[in-house]
Protein backbone atom coordinates (compact mmCIF):
# COMPACT_ATOMS: atom_id res chain seq x y z
CA MET A 1 17.58 120.47 86.81
CA ASN A 2 16.14 121.57 90.10
CA ARG A 3 17.78 122.82 93.16
CA LEU A 4 18.17 119.35 94.74
CA GLU A 5 19.82 117.92 91.65
CA THR A 6 22.62 120.27 91.81
CA SER A 7 24.01 118.49 94.76
CA THR A 8 24.04 115.21 92.76
CA LEU A 9 25.64 116.60 89.71
CA PHE A 10 29.11 116.80 91.21
CA TRP A 11 28.90 113.22 92.38
CA SER A 12 27.81 111.91 89.05
CA ARG A 13 30.70 113.73 87.36
CA MET A 14 32.98 112.47 89.95
CA ARG A 15 31.96 108.90 89.42
CA SER A 16 32.17 109.17 85.61
CA SER A 17 35.69 110.57 85.98
CA TRP A 18 36.85 107.79 88.34
CA THR A 19 35.39 105.24 86.15
CA LYS A 20 37.57 106.44 83.29
CA ALA A 21 40.57 106.76 85.61
CA LEU A 22 40.33 103.34 87.01
CA ARG A 23 40.09 101.86 83.41
CA LEU A 24 43.21 103.77 82.48
CA ILE A 25 44.96 102.60 85.60
CA ARG A 26 44.30 98.93 84.86
CA ILE A 27 45.66 99.52 81.32
CA ILE A 28 48.80 101.20 82.70
CA ALA A 29 49.25 98.53 85.49
CA GLY A 30 48.98 95.82 82.89
CA GLY A 31 51.83 97.26 80.80
CA GLY A 32 55.25 95.59 80.96
CA GLY A 33 57.21 98.64 81.89
CA THR A 34 55.16 100.01 84.78
CA PRO A 35 55.94 97.23 87.30
CA ILE A 36 59.63 97.50 86.53
CA ILE A 37 59.71 101.32 86.97
CA LEU A 38 57.55 101.11 90.17
CA GLY A 39 59.73 98.35 91.62
CA ILE A 40 63.00 100.29 90.88
CA THR A 41 61.53 103.35 92.49
CA ILE A 42 60.27 101.52 95.61
CA ILE A 43 63.50 99.62 96.02
CA ALA A 44 65.70 102.64 95.64
CA PHE A 45 63.68 104.77 97.96
CA SER A 46 63.60 102.14 100.66
CA PHE A 47 67.42 101.55 100.50
CA GLY A 48 68.09 105.24 100.55
CA TYR A 49 65.60 105.95 103.35
CA ASN A 50 67.37 103.42 105.58
CA GLN A 51 70.81 104.94 104.69
CA LEU A 52 69.38 108.47 105.54
CA LEU A 53 68.12 107.17 109.01
CA ALA A 54 71.44 105.56 109.68
CA TRP A 55 73.47 108.71 108.68
CA LEU A 56 71.19 111.36 110.20
CA PRO A 57 73.03 113.09 113.05
CA GLU A 58 71.22 114.14 116.20
CA SER A 59 72.39 117.85 115.60
CA PHE A 60 70.57 117.91 111.99
CA PRO A 61 67.89 120.51 111.88
CA LEU A 62 65.18 118.11 111.04
CA ALA A 63 62.10 120.07 112.25
CA PRO A 64 62.79 123.09 110.09
CA VAL A 65 63.21 120.91 106.92
CA LEU A 66 60.13 118.91 107.54
CA ALA A 67 58.19 122.20 108.45
CA VAL A 68 58.86 123.74 105.08
CA MET A 69 57.70 120.56 103.11
CA ILE A 70 54.52 120.25 105.34
CA GLY A 71 53.88 124.05 105.12
CA LEU A 72 54.05 123.91 101.35
CA PHE A 73 51.61 120.96 101.30
CA LEU A 74 49.21 122.58 103.72
CA THR A 75 49.18 125.84 101.62
CA HIS A 76 48.81 124.59 98.08
CA HIS A 77 45.53 123.13 97.19
CA ARG A 78 43.87 122.29 93.78
CA ILE A 79 40.21 121.92 94.33
CA ARG A 80 38.53 119.44 92.08
CA THR A 81 35.26 120.91 90.77
CA TRP A 82 34.85 119.14 87.39
CA ILE A 83 33.59 122.43 85.98
CA LYS A 84 33.41 122.39 82.21
CA PRO A 85 33.88 125.41 79.89
CA THR A 86 30.13 125.18 78.82
CA ASP A 87 29.05 125.41 82.46
CA ALA A 88 29.32 129.08 82.38
CA VAL A 89 26.36 129.07 80.04
CA PHE A 90 24.21 126.10 80.93
CA LEU A 91 24.65 126.32 84.73
CA LEU A 92 24.47 129.99 85.05
CA PRO A 93 20.70 130.09 85.69
CA LEU A 94 21.25 127.83 88.59
CA GLU A 95 24.02 129.82 90.16
CA PRO A 96 22.04 130.63 93.25
CA HIS A 97 21.59 126.98 94.03
CA MET A 98 25.20 125.94 93.20
CA GLY A 99 26.32 126.08 96.85
CA ARG A 100 25.43 122.37 97.21
CA TYR A 101 27.63 121.54 94.17
CA PHE A 102 30.62 123.29 95.59
CA ARG A 103 30.20 122.00 99.18
CA ALA A 104 30.31 118.52 97.71
CA SER A 105 33.49 119.53 95.83
CA LEU A 106 35.14 120.80 99.11
CA LEU A 107 34.16 117.48 100.75
CA TYR A 108 35.67 115.35 98.11
CA THR A 109 38.80 117.40 97.81
CA GLY A 110 39.14 117.49 101.62
CA ALA A 111 38.98 113.64 101.89
CA VAL A 112 41.61 113.25 99.13
CA LYS A 113 43.92 115.67 100.84
CA LEU A 114 43.62 113.93 104.16
CA LEU A 115 44.45 110.86 102.47
CA HIS A 116 47.57 112.39 100.88
CA LEU A 117 48.47 113.81 104.37
CA GLY A 118 48.14 110.38 105.94
CA VAL A 119 50.48 108.92 103.30
CA ILE A 120 53.19 111.63 103.78
CA MET A 121 53.00 111.46 107.64
CA SER A 122 53.35 107.64 107.55
CA ILE A 123 56.48 108.11 105.41
CA LEU A 124 57.88 110.72 107.74
CA TYR A 125 57.20 108.69 110.89
CA PRO A 126 60.65 107.03 111.02
CA LEU A 127 62.31 110.40 110.75
CA TYR A 128 60.11 111.86 113.47
CA ARG A 129 60.72 109.00 116.04
CA ALA A 130 64.51 109.09 115.26
CA ASN A 131 64.91 112.70 116.06
CA LEU A 132 62.02 114.53 117.19
CA GLY A 133 59.50 112.84 119.62
CA THR A 134 57.32 109.92 120.59
CA LEU A 135 54.35 108.02 119.04
CA GLY A 136 51.93 110.04 121.33
CA THR A 137 53.10 113.43 120.15
CA TYR A 138 53.25 112.31 116.63
CA VAL A 139 49.55 111.14 116.68
CA VAL A 140 48.62 114.58 118.17
CA THR A 141 50.69 116.40 115.52
CA CYS A 142 48.93 114.44 112.80
CA PHE A 143 45.45 115.35 114.05
CA LEU A 144 46.49 118.93 114.34
CA LEU A 145 47.88 119.08 110.85
CA ALA A 146 44.67 117.49 109.46
CA GLY A 147 42.60 120.23 111.02
CA VAL A 148 44.89 122.89 109.71
CA LEU A 149 44.78 121.31 106.34
CA LEU A 150 40.93 121.62 106.28
CA LEU A 151 41.09 125.14 107.33
CA ASN A 152 43.62 125.98 104.55
CA LEU A 153 41.28 124.19 102.15
CA VAL A 154 38.49 126.48 103.10
CA GLN A 155 40.70 129.54 102.73
CA GLU A 156 41.68 128.35 99.27
CA TRP A 157 38.22 128.21 98.27
CA GLN A 158 37.56 131.73 99.58
CA ALA A 159 40.55 133.01 97.61
CA THR A 160 39.22 131.42 94.55
CA ARG A 161 35.74 133.09 95.14
CA LEU A 162 37.42 136.49 95.76
CA THR A 163 39.07 136.37 92.36
CA VAL A 164 35.84 137.92 91.03
CA ASN A 165 36.31 141.24 92.76
CA SER A 166 39.80 141.35 94.25
CA ASP A 167 43.26 142.03 92.87
CA ALA A 168 45.58 139.10 91.99
CA GLY A 169 48.54 140.63 93.74
CA ASP A 170 46.51 141.03 96.98
CA LEU A 171 45.45 137.23 96.74
CA ARG A 172 49.08 136.20 96.09
CA LEU A 173 50.23 138.17 99.15
CA TRP A 174 47.45 136.40 101.18
CA LYS A 175 48.78 133.11 100.00
CA ILE A 176 52.38 133.84 100.90
CA CYS A 177 51.29 134.96 104.42
CA ARG A 178 49.30 131.89 104.74
CA PHE A 179 52.33 129.79 103.97
CA GLY A 180 54.31 131.69 106.53
CA LEU A 181 51.71 130.75 109.25
CA ASN A 182 51.45 127.27 108.21
CA LEU A 183 55.28 127.02 108.34
CA LEU A 184 55.47 128.42 111.78
CA LEU A 185 52.69 126.17 112.91
CA ALA A 186 54.25 123.04 111.56
CA TYR A 187 57.55 123.76 113.01
CA ASP A 188 56.03 124.40 116.53
CA ALA A 189 53.98 121.09 116.20
CA LEU A 190 57.08 118.98 115.14
CA ALA A 191 59.15 120.57 117.89
CA SER A 192 56.29 119.90 120.61
CA GLU A 193 56.01 123.64 121.32
CA TRP A 194 52.34 123.45 121.93
CA TRP A 195 51.71 126.87 123.42
CA PHE A 196 53.35 128.53 120.44
CA VAL A 197 51.08 126.61 118.00
CA LEU A 198 48.13 128.64 119.34
CA LEU A 199 49.36 131.86 117.82
CA PRO A 200 49.47 130.90 114.09
CA LEU A 201 46.46 128.49 114.54
CA THR A 202 44.46 131.53 115.94
CA ALA A 203 45.46 133.67 113.13
CA LEU A 204 44.42 131.25 110.47
CA ALA A 205 41.09 130.70 112.19
CA ILE A 206 40.37 134.52 112.35
CA TRP A 207 41.60 134.88 108.76
CA CYS A 208 39.07 132.15 107.68
CA TRP A 209 36.21 133.76 109.55
CA GLN A 210 36.98 137.08 107.97
CA GLY A 211 37.03 135.41 104.61
CA PHE A 212 33.45 134.33 104.92
CA ARG A 213 32.36 137.89 105.25
CA LEU A 214 34.34 139.13 102.30
CA ILE A 215 33.49 136.41 99.58
CA PRO A 216 30.56 137.68 97.36
CA GLN A 217 27.28 135.73 97.13
CA ALA A 218 27.62 135.87 93.32
CA PRO A 219 28.92 135.40 90.66
CA TYR A 220 31.19 132.47 90.85
CA PRO A 221 34.38 132.54 89.03
CA TRP A 222 33.38 130.25 86.29
CA GLN A 223 36.18 130.79 83.78
CA ARG A 224 38.87 130.42 86.52
CA LEU A 225 37.21 127.20 87.81
CA SER A 226 37.12 125.78 84.37
CA ARG A 227 40.78 126.75 83.65
CA LEU A 228 41.99 125.17 86.74
CA GLU A 229 40.11 121.91 85.97
CA GLN A 230 41.47 121.87 82.43
CA GLU A 231 45.00 122.27 83.78
CA THR A 232 44.44 119.53 86.33
CA LEU A 233 43.18 117.03 83.69
CA ALA A 234 46.13 118.05 81.36
CA ARG A 235 48.54 117.22 84.15
CA TYR A 236 46.89 113.73 84.64
CA TYR A 237 46.86 113.08 80.97
CA THR A 238 50.47 113.99 80.73
CA VAL A 239 51.49 111.54 83.44
CA ALA A 240 49.40 108.74 81.85
CA ASN A 241 50.84 109.56 78.45
CA TRP A 242 54.21 108.21 79.80
CA PHE A 243 52.95 104.76 79.86
CA VAL A 244 50.03 104.54 77.22
CA ASP A 245 49.04 106.51 74.12
CA MET A 246 46.30 109.01 75.11
CA PRO A 247 43.76 110.67 72.99
CA ARG A 248 44.83 114.04 71.63
CA TYR A 249 43.91 116.16 74.71
CA LYS A 250 43.91 119.93 74.17
CA ARG A 251 46.25 121.52 76.63
CA PRO A 252 45.53 124.91 78.05
CA LEU A 253 47.74 127.74 76.80
CA ARG A 254 50.05 129.64 79.28
CA GLN A 255 51.45 133.12 78.72
CA ARG A 256 55.00 132.53 80.11
CA LYS A 257 56.00 135.87 78.58
CA TRP A 258 59.59 135.78 79.55
CA LEU A 259 60.19 132.42 77.99
CA ILE A 260 58.39 133.68 74.86
CA ARG A 261 60.74 136.59 74.73
CA LEU A 262 63.68 134.30 75.07
CA VAL A 263 62.44 132.16 72.21
CA ASN A 264 61.95 135.36 69.95
CA ARG A 265 65.53 136.33 70.75
CA LEU A 266 67.17 133.17 70.07
CA ILE A 267 65.24 131.58 67.15
CA ARG A 268 65.88 133.11 63.67
CA ASP A 269 62.90 134.49 61.79
CA ASP A 270 63.19 132.01 58.92
CA ALA A 271 63.41 128.88 61.28
CA VAL A 272 59.78 128.11 60.89
CA TYR A 273 59.41 124.83 62.52
CA PRO A 274 61.82 125.44 65.50
CA TYR A 275 59.95 128.52 66.22
CA LEU A 276 56.58 126.80 66.18
CA TYR A 277 57.89 123.84 68.17
CA TRP A 278 59.55 126.03 70.87
CA ARG A 279 56.44 128.12 71.32
CA THR A 280 54.40 124.99 71.59
CA LEU A 281 56.74 123.56 74.14
CA VAL A 282 56.63 126.68 76.16
CA ARG A 283 52.91 127.66 75.95
CA GLN A 284 50.69 124.57 75.18
CA SER A 285 52.41 121.67 76.84
CA ASP A 286 53.33 120.42 80.18
CA LEU A 287 56.73 119.01 78.90
CA LEU A 288 58.70 121.81 80.85
CA ALA A 289 57.11 120.69 84.05
CA MET A 290 57.65 117.01 83.07
CA PHE A 291 61.37 117.95 82.52
CA ALA A 292 61.68 119.37 85.90
CA ARG A 293 59.89 116.56 87.67
CA LEU A 294 62.04 113.81 85.82
CA LEU A 295 65.05 115.80 86.84
CA ALA A 296 63.89 115.82 90.49
CA TRP A 297 63.10 112.23 90.30
CA VAL A 298 66.56 111.27 89.04
CA ILE A 299 68.33 113.31 91.48
CA LEU A 300 66.24 111.99 94.39
CA LEU A 301 66.84 108.39 93.45
CA SER A 302 70.56 109.12 92.93
CA PHE A 303 70.67 110.40 96.55
CA CYS A 304 69.21 107.01 97.66
CA VAL A 305 71.72 104.94 95.53
CA PRO A 306 74.79 107.19 94.97
CA HIS A 307 76.61 104.72 92.65
CA PRO A 308 77.91 105.86 89.11
CA TRP A 309 76.37 103.18 87.17
CA VAL A 310 72.94 103.66 88.92
CA ILE A 311 73.06 107.39 88.23
CA THR A 312 73.94 106.64 84.56
CA LEU A 313 71.11 104.21 84.10
CA LEU A 314 68.63 106.59 85.91
CA THR A 315 69.62 109.37 83.49
CA LEU A 316 69.26 107.24 80.53
CA LEU A 317 65.78 106.22 81.73
CA GLY A 318 64.67 109.82 82.51
CA ASN A 319 66.05 110.97 79.12
CA TRP A 320 64.20 108.28 77.24
CA MET A 321 60.97 109.02 78.99
CA PHE A 322 61.27 112.70 78.15
CA THR A 323 62.25 112.26 74.63
CA VAL A 324 59.44 109.93 73.91
CA GLN A 325 56.84 112.68 75.30
CA LEU A 326 58.72 115.42 73.41
CA ARG A 327 57.61 113.98 69.95
CA ASN A 328 54.05 115.01 70.92
CA ILE A 329 54.75 118.60 69.91
CA GLU A 330 54.97 117.46 66.26
CA HIS A 331 51.30 116.51 66.10
CA ALA A 332 49.21 118.69 63.86
CA ALA A 333 46.55 119.00 66.60
CA HIS A 334 48.66 121.69 68.24
CA TYR A 335 48.49 123.84 65.05
CA PRO A 336 46.03 125.26 62.62
CA VAL A 337 44.90 123.34 59.49
CA LEU A 338 47.13 125.64 57.27
CA PHE A 339 50.10 124.27 59.17
CA LYS A 340 49.91 121.02 56.78
CA LEU A 341 49.87 123.31 53.68
CA MET A 342 53.05 125.12 54.56
CA PRO A 343 55.45 125.04 51.59
CA ARG A 344 58.31 123.52 53.48
CA PRO A 345 59.97 120.18 53.09
CA ALA A 346 58.88 117.55 55.62
CA SER A 347 62.47 116.79 56.51
CA GLU A 348 62.64 120.30 58.28
CA ARG A 349 60.14 119.00 60.88
CA SER A 350 62.17 116.06 62.01
CA GLN A 351 65.34 118.16 62.03
CA ALA A 352 63.88 120.78 64.22
CA LEU A 353 62.47 118.19 66.58
CA GLN A 354 65.97 116.43 66.74
CA GLN A 355 67.70 119.71 67.58
CA ILE A 356 65.30 120.43 70.36
CA ALA A 357 65.48 116.88 71.69
CA ARG A 358 69.33 117.00 71.71
CA LEU A 359 69.43 120.38 73.31
CA LEU A 360 67.11 119.55 76.16
CA SER A 361 68.43 116.02 76.71
CA THR A 362 71.99 117.44 76.88
CA ALA A 363 70.73 119.93 79.46
CA PHE A 364 69.15 117.23 81.37
CA ALA A 365 72.27 115.01 81.59
CA SER A 366 74.51 118.01 82.20
CA LEU A 367 72.51 119.21 85.13
CA ILE A 368 72.65 115.65 86.79
CA ALA A 369 76.18 115.42 86.14
CA LEU A 370 76.89 118.79 87.74
CA VAL A 371 75.02 117.56 90.79
CA GLY A 372 76.92 114.41 90.82
CA LEU A 373 80.19 116.28 90.75
CA LEU A 374 79.28 118.68 93.49
CA VAL A 375 77.91 115.99 95.82
CA GLY A 376 80.61 113.51 94.97
CA TRP A 377 78.75 110.78 93.20
CA LEU A 378 80.80 110.90 90.14
CA ASP A 379 84.67 110.75 90.08
CA GLY A 380 86.93 111.16 87.01
CA LYS A 381 86.30 107.65 85.60
CA GLY A 382 82.69 107.59 86.45
CA LEU A 383 82.23 110.97 84.82
CA VAL A 384 83.87 109.72 81.67
CA ILE A 385 81.63 106.63 81.39
CA TYR A 386 78.54 108.78 82.17
CA LEU A 387 79.29 111.28 79.44
CA ILE A 388 80.00 108.53 76.80
CA ILE A 389 76.94 106.41 77.55
CA ASN A 390 74.67 109.37 77.81
CA GLY A 391 76.08 111.14 74.68
CA ALA A 392 75.52 108.10 72.68
CA ALA A 393 71.94 107.71 74.07
CA ILE A 394 71.14 111.22 73.32
CA LEU A 395 72.08 110.84 69.70
CA PHE A 396 70.14 107.57 69.52
CA PHE A 397 66.90 108.91 71.33
CA SER A 398 66.84 112.02 69.26
CA ARG A 399 66.92 109.98 65.95
CA THR A 400 64.61 107.24 67.00
CA LYS A 401 60.98 107.57 65.64
CA ARG A 402 57.76 105.91 66.69
């Protein structure tokens, strides 16, 4: 591969990845459950959004709330490089010519992030017009945020490059400071305080210019880029696995030391399968993140349609989706070959998995019930119905097998 071909390597990998993704999307879209879930989500969100616009008082601090959301979006970026673990060996001789490859990566990621920003700002437009400003100021704000997004994307790449010769704590502090500047800039833009926008914008520009002087020419952080790409692919496969059976994809390991300490304290030494399954759940799967996302999804839709029966049905759906995915930790692909030869009865595997499923499903339903009681969605009668239906469902879901 010569110097010119390094610029086309990224685009060939991108096309290959999108070809597989589109094929998978067609399979998911053709499934019977996907249109139902998507339709329920859109209808509930539209209904809840209209209710929010009708309820929103003029004194509500909308600008700070939206500024936090936009600031987080502007700060956090995951650059798609499609770097493979073997590239650290086979592409290392071409490292001086890989600049074209990574520039293409930044162009692609920037285009995708701008598309995401357009979708988010389109959704937020009714809120902005109801409380903050006019169409003209909204358009100016969108263009300003688009420029800031690209500036942050470049700074994210600079931080990635600096992992080669910089302390992780310093880079983490850098990101926190960048979030503070983005938060201040987003608030000033939403509040139409255009003169105050110049201060954080100038600071971000100077910071970006200084970053070009600090990043080393070589080497590239191959291992970190490969790990980030594997985590991104694992996240996409996890979401797709909600709807279709995916090939056994090897998830990256995560340390999560404090959770492992908790598992070591709570699980007995002779409880072989519970110990293995809990460690797999904590370190080698995205199920904990899926648990949090499903919990947030159910709570958000419950805010949109705060009716006891709707909350009960949404909790059932979320618990079912999580329980189905939880059974993936039982697959032998997560464990060494000697796992199959372990002199333990096979019934212990299913019992351990059922215990974990019941515990997490109970925690899922209990957290939603707690939010419902605090907000006022569930009264005495609604809470009793909720507990009976979800209790029976938890027992059924934990015992059901594929």
